[in-house]
């Protein structure tokens, strides 16, 4: 599993900076994406797009009691990988 700490270590090694500066960079990068996704989609060239979508109001059912209830619409986050990233994986 890749974590922010692992990403920071790899960034520090790759561009030859201190681990603390790399950790600050990584933290700031993810914070900027999180803040930007609040208002609009975020597209990173050759990586992919983070999209916000609103799910529709629908009926849910408790499998144990078979009781039906309404599931209210909510904001959801989706990631769509770029074609270049998909080709790199396959």
N, C-alpha and C. Protein backbone atom coordinates (compact mmCIF):
# COMPACT_ATOMS: atom_id res chain seq x y z
N UNK A 1 0.85 -1.17 0.00
CA UNK A 1 0.00 0.00 0.00
C UNK A 1 0.90 1.24 0.00
N UNK A 2 0.51 2.21 -0.80
CA UNK A 2 1.26 3.46 -0.85
C UNK A 2 0.56 4.49 0.04
N UNK A 3 1.32 5.12 0.91
CA UNK A 3 0.79 6.13 1.81
C UNK A 3 1.41 7.48 1.48
N UNK A 4 0.88 8.54 2.10
CA UNK A 4 1.47 9.87 1.90
C UNK A 4 2.93 9.88 2.35
N UNK A 5 3.22 9.16 3.42
CA UNK A 5 4.60 9.11 3.91
C UNK A 5 5.52 8.46 2.89
N UNK A 6 5.05 7.37 2.27
CA UNK A 6 5.85 6.71 1.24
C UNK A 6 6.05 7.60 0.03
N UNK A 7 5.00 8.30 -0.35
CA UNK A 7 5.10 9.23 -1.49
C UNK A 7 6.11 10.32 -1.16
N UNK A 8 6.05 10.85 0.06
CA UNK A 8 6.99 11.90 0.48
C UNK A 8 8.43 11.41 0.42
N UNK A 9 8.67 10.19 0.87
CA UNK A 9 10.03 9.63 0.83
C UNK A 9 10.52 9.51 -0.61
N UNK A 10 9.65 9.05 -1.49
CA UNK A 10 10.03 8.89 -2.89
C UNK A 10 10.28 10.24 -3.56
N UNK A 11 9.47 11.25 -3.22
CA UNK A 11 9.67 12.60 -3.76
C UNK A 11 11.01 13.14 -3.28
N UNK A 12 11.30 12.98 -2.00
CA UNK A 12 12.57 13.47 -1.44
C UNK A 12 13.76 12.83 -2.14
N UNK A 13 13.67 11.54 -2.37
CA UNK A 13 14.77 10.82 -3.03
C UNK A 13 14.89 11.23 -4.50
N UNK A 14 13.74 11.35 -5.18
CA UNK A 14 13.72 11.63 -6.62
C UNK A 14 14.28 13.01 -6.96
N UNK A 15 13.89 14.03 -6.18
CA UNK A 15 14.33 15.39 -6.51
C UNK A 15 15.38 15.92 -5.53
N UNK A 16 15.88 15.03 -4.68
CA UNK A 16 16.98 15.35 -3.79
C UNK A 16 16.69 16.55 -2.87
N UNK A 17 15.62 16.44 -2.11
CA UNK A 17 15.30 17.44 -1.08
C UNK A 17 15.13 16.70 0.25
N UNK A 18 15.02 17.46 1.33
CA UNK A 18 14.86 16.83 2.64
C UNK A 18 13.49 16.17 2.75
N UNK A 19 13.41 15.20 3.64
CA UNK A 19 12.15 14.48 3.83
C UNK A 19 11.06 15.41 4.36
N UNK A 20 11.42 16.36 5.22
CA UNK A 20 10.42 17.27 5.77
C UNK A 20 9.86 18.20 4.68
N UNK A 21 10.72 18.67 3.77
CA UNK A 21 10.24 19.51 2.67
C UNK A 21 9.35 18.69 1.72
N UNK A 22 9.74 17.45 1.49
CA UNK A 22 8.93 16.58 0.64
C UNK A 22 7.58 16.29 1.29
N UNK A 23 7.57 16.10 2.60
CA UNK A 23 6.32 15.87 3.32
C UNK A 23 5.42 17.10 3.25
N UNK A 24 6.01 18.29 3.40
CA UNK A 24 5.25 19.53 3.27
C UNK A 24 4.67 19.68 1.87
N UNK A 25 5.48 19.37 0.87
CA UNK A 25 5.02 19.44 -0.52
C UNK A 25 3.84 18.50 -0.75
N UNK A 26 3.99 17.25 -0.31
CA UNK A 26 2.94 16.25 -0.51
C UNK A 26 1.65 16.66 0.21
N UNK A 27 1.78 17.12 1.44
CA UNK A 27 0.63 17.55 2.22
C UNK A 27 -0.07 18.73 1.53
N UNK A 28 0.69 19.69 1.06
CA UNK A 28 0.14 20.86 0.38
C UNK A 28 -0.53 20.47 -0.94
N UNK A 29 0.09 19.56 -1.69
CA UNK A 29 -0.47 19.12 -2.96
C UNK A 29 -1.85 18.49 -2.76
N UNK A 30 -1.96 17.56 -1.82
CA UNK A 30 -3.25 16.92 -1.57
C UNK A 30 -4.28 17.90 -1.01
N UNK A 31 -3.83 18.85 -0.21
CA UNK A 31 -4.73 19.87 0.34
C UNK A 31 -5.29 20.75 -0.79
N UNK A 32 -4.44 21.13 -1.74
CA UNK A 32 -4.88 21.94 -2.87
C UNK A 32 -5.91 21.20 -3.72
N UNK A 33 -5.66 19.92 -3.96
CA UNK A 33 -6.63 19.13 -4.73
C UNK A 33 -7.95 19.02 -3.96
N UNK A 34 -7.88 18.76 -2.66
CA UNK A 34 -9.10 18.65 -1.85
C UNK A 34 -9.89 19.95 -1.86
N UNK A 35 -9.21 21.09 -1.76
CA UNK A 35 -9.90 22.38 -1.77
C UNK A 35 -10.48 22.68 -3.15
N UNK A 36 -9.76 22.33 -4.20
CA UNK A 36 -10.23 22.61 -5.56
C UNK A 36 -11.44 21.77 -5.92
N UNK A 37 -11.49 20.53 -5.45
CA UNK A 37 -12.60 19.63 -5.79
C UNK A 37 -13.91 20.09 -5.16
N UNK A 38 -13.82 20.96 -4.15
CA UNK A 38 -15.03 21.50 -3.52
C UNK A 38 -15.87 22.30 -4.51
N UNK A 39 -15.20 23.00 -5.44
CA UNK A 39 -15.93 23.89 -6.34
C UNK A 39 -15.98 23.43 -7.79
N UNK A 40 -15.02 22.60 -8.21
CA UNK A 40 -15.00 22.19 -9.62
C UNK A 40 -14.22 20.89 -9.77
N UNK A 41 -14.27 20.33 -10.97
CA UNK A 41 -13.51 19.12 -11.26
C UNK A 41 -12.03 19.47 -11.36
N UNK A 42 -11.18 18.50 -11.03
CA UNK A 42 -9.74 18.70 -11.08
C UNK A 42 -9.17 17.73 -12.12
N UNK A 43 -8.52 18.28 -13.15
CA UNK A 43 -7.93 17.47 -14.20
C UNK A 43 -6.42 17.62 -14.15
N UNK A 44 -5.73 16.49 -14.05
CA UNK A 44 -4.28 16.48 -14.05
C UNK A 44 -3.85 15.75 -15.33
N UNK A 45 -3.20 16.49 -16.21
CA UNK A 45 -2.83 15.95 -17.52
C UNK A 45 -1.98 14.69 -17.37
N UNK A 46 -2.26 13.72 -18.20
CA UNK A 46 -1.59 12.42 -18.23
C UNK A 46 -1.75 11.61 -16.95
N UNK A 47 -2.67 12.01 -16.08
CA UNK A 47 -2.95 11.26 -14.86
C UNK A 47 -4.42 10.91 -14.78
N UNK A 48 -5.28 11.93 -14.74
CA UNK A 48 -6.71 11.66 -14.69
C UNK A 48 -7.50 12.85 -14.18
N UNK A 49 -8.80 12.63 -13.98
CA UNK A 49 -9.71 13.68 -13.57
C UNK A 49 -10.48 13.24 -12.32
N UNK A 50 -10.51 14.13 -11.33
CA UNK A 50 -11.35 13.94 -10.15
C UNK A 50 -12.65 14.69 -10.42
N UNK A 51 -13.78 13.99 -10.37
CA UNK A 51 -15.06 14.62 -10.67
C UNK A 51 -16.01 14.50 -9.48
N UNK A 52 -16.76 15.56 -9.26
CA UNK A 52 -17.84 15.53 -8.26
C UNK A 52 -19.13 15.26 -9.01
N UNK A 53 -19.92 14.33 -8.50
CA UNK A 53 -21.22 14.06 -9.07
C UNK A 53 -22.22 13.96 -7.93
N UNK A 54 -23.47 14.27 -8.23
CA UNK A 54 -24.51 14.16 -7.23
C UNK A 54 -25.33 12.92 -7.53
N UNK A 55 -25.40 12.01 -6.56
CA UNK A 55 -26.19 10.80 -6.75
C UNK A 55 -27.67 11.17 -6.68
N UNK A 56 -28.49 10.37 -7.33
CA UNK A 56 -29.93 10.65 -7.37
C UNK A 56 -30.60 10.11 -6.11
N UNK A 57 -31.75 10.68 -5.80
CA UNK A 57 -32.56 10.20 -4.69
C UNK A 57 -33.11 8.84 -5.10
N UNK A 58 -33.01 7.86 -4.19
CA UNK A 58 -33.47 6.52 -4.54
C UNK A 58 -34.00 5.78 -3.32
N UNK A 59 -34.61 4.65 -3.58
CA UNK A 59 -35.16 3.84 -2.49
C UNK A 59 -34.15 2.76 -2.12
N UNK A 60 -33.88 2.64 -0.83
CA UNK A 60 -33.00 1.60 -0.32
C UNK A 60 -33.82 0.59 0.46
N UNK A 61 -33.22 -0.55 0.74
CA UNK A 61 -33.95 -1.58 1.48
C UNK A 61 -33.01 -2.25 2.45
N UNK A 62 -33.46 -2.39 3.71
CA UNK A 62 -32.71 -3.10 4.73
C UNK A 62 -32.85 -4.60 4.43
N UNK A 63 -31.74 -5.30 4.15
CA UNK A 63 -31.85 -6.71 3.77
C UNK A 63 -32.37 -7.63 4.87
N UNK A 64 -32.18 -7.23 6.13
CA UNK A 64 -32.67 -8.07 7.23
C UNK A 64 -34.17 -7.93 7.42
N UNK A 65 -34.63 -6.67 7.51
CA UNK A 65 -36.05 -6.43 7.83
C UNK A 65 -36.91 -6.21 6.59
N UNK A 66 -36.28 -6.06 5.43
CA UNK A 66 -36.96 -5.77 4.16
C UNK A 66 -37.68 -4.41 4.19
N UNK A 67 -37.34 -3.57 5.17
CA UNK A 67 -37.94 -2.25 5.30
C UNK A 67 -37.33 -1.30 4.27
N UNK A 68 -38.19 -0.54 3.58
CA UNK A 68 -37.73 0.41 2.56
C UNK A 68 -37.54 1.79 3.19
N UNK A 69 -36.61 2.54 2.65
CA UNK A 69 -36.38 3.90 3.10
C UNK A 69 -35.80 4.70 1.95
N UNK A 70 -35.84 6.02 2.08
CA UNK A 70 -35.35 6.92 1.04
C UNK A 70 -33.87 7.23 1.29
N UNK A 71 -33.05 7.10 0.27
CA UNK A 71 -31.65 7.51 0.33
C UNK A 71 -31.57 8.87 -0.36
N UNK A 72 -31.22 9.88 0.40
CA UNK A 72 -31.17 11.25 -0.12
C UNK A 72 -30.00 11.43 -1.08
N UNK A 73 -30.11 12.37 -2.01
CA UNK A 73 -28.98 12.64 -2.90
C UNK A 73 -27.77 13.14 -2.11
N UNK A 74 -26.59 12.82 -2.60
CA UNK A 74 -25.38 13.29 -1.92
C UNK A 74 -24.28 13.48 -2.95
N UNK A 75 -23.28 14.27 -2.56
CA UNK A 75 -22.13 14.49 -3.44
C UNK A 75 -21.19 13.31 -3.33
N UNK A 76 -20.69 12.86 -4.47
CA UNK A 76 -19.77 11.74 -4.51
C UNK A 76 -18.55 12.13 -5.34
N UNK A 77 -17.44 11.51 -5.06
CA UNK A 77 -16.21 11.80 -5.77
C UNK A 77 -15.82 10.60 -6.62
N UNK A 78 -15.50 10.86 -7.89
CA UNK A 78 -15.09 9.82 -8.82
C UNK A 78 -13.73 10.19 -9.41
N UNK A 79 -12.95 9.18 -9.74
CA UNK A 79 -11.69 9.40 -10.42
C UNK A 79 -11.73 8.65 -11.73
N UNK A 80 -11.41 9.36 -12.81
CA UNK A 80 -11.34 8.74 -14.13
C UNK A 80 -9.89 8.85 -14.59
N UNK A 81 -9.24 7.70 -14.75
CA UNK A 81 -7.84 7.67 -15.16
C UNK A 81 -7.70 8.09 -16.62
N UNK A 82 -6.61 8.77 -16.93
CA UNK A 82 -6.34 9.16 -18.32
C UNK A 82 -5.95 7.93 -19.13
N UNK A 83 -6.05 8.05 -20.44
CA UNK A 83 -5.67 6.94 -21.32
C UNK A 83 -4.20 6.58 -21.16
N UNK A 84 -3.37 7.58 -20.97
CA UNK A 84 -1.93 7.33 -20.80
C UNK A 84 -1.67 6.51 -19.52
N UNK A 85 -2.37 6.84 -18.45
CA UNK A 85 -2.22 6.10 -17.19
C UNK A 85 -2.73 4.68 -17.36
N UNK A 86 -3.86 4.52 -18.04
CA UNK A 86 -4.41 3.18 -18.29
C UNK A 86 -3.44 2.33 -19.10
N UNK A 87 -2.85 2.92 -20.12
CA UNK A 87 -1.88 2.17 -20.94
C UNK A 87 -0.65 1.79 -20.12
N UNK A 88 -0.22 2.67 -19.22
CA UNK A 88 0.93 2.39 -18.39
C UNK A 88 0.69 1.24 -17.43
N UNK A 89 -0.54 1.07 -17.00
CA UNK A 89 -0.89 -0.01 -16.07
C UNK A 89 -0.95 -1.34 -16.81
N UNK A 90 -1.48 -1.31 -18.02
CA UNK A 90 -1.62 -2.55 -18.79
C UNK A 90 -0.37 -2.74 -19.57
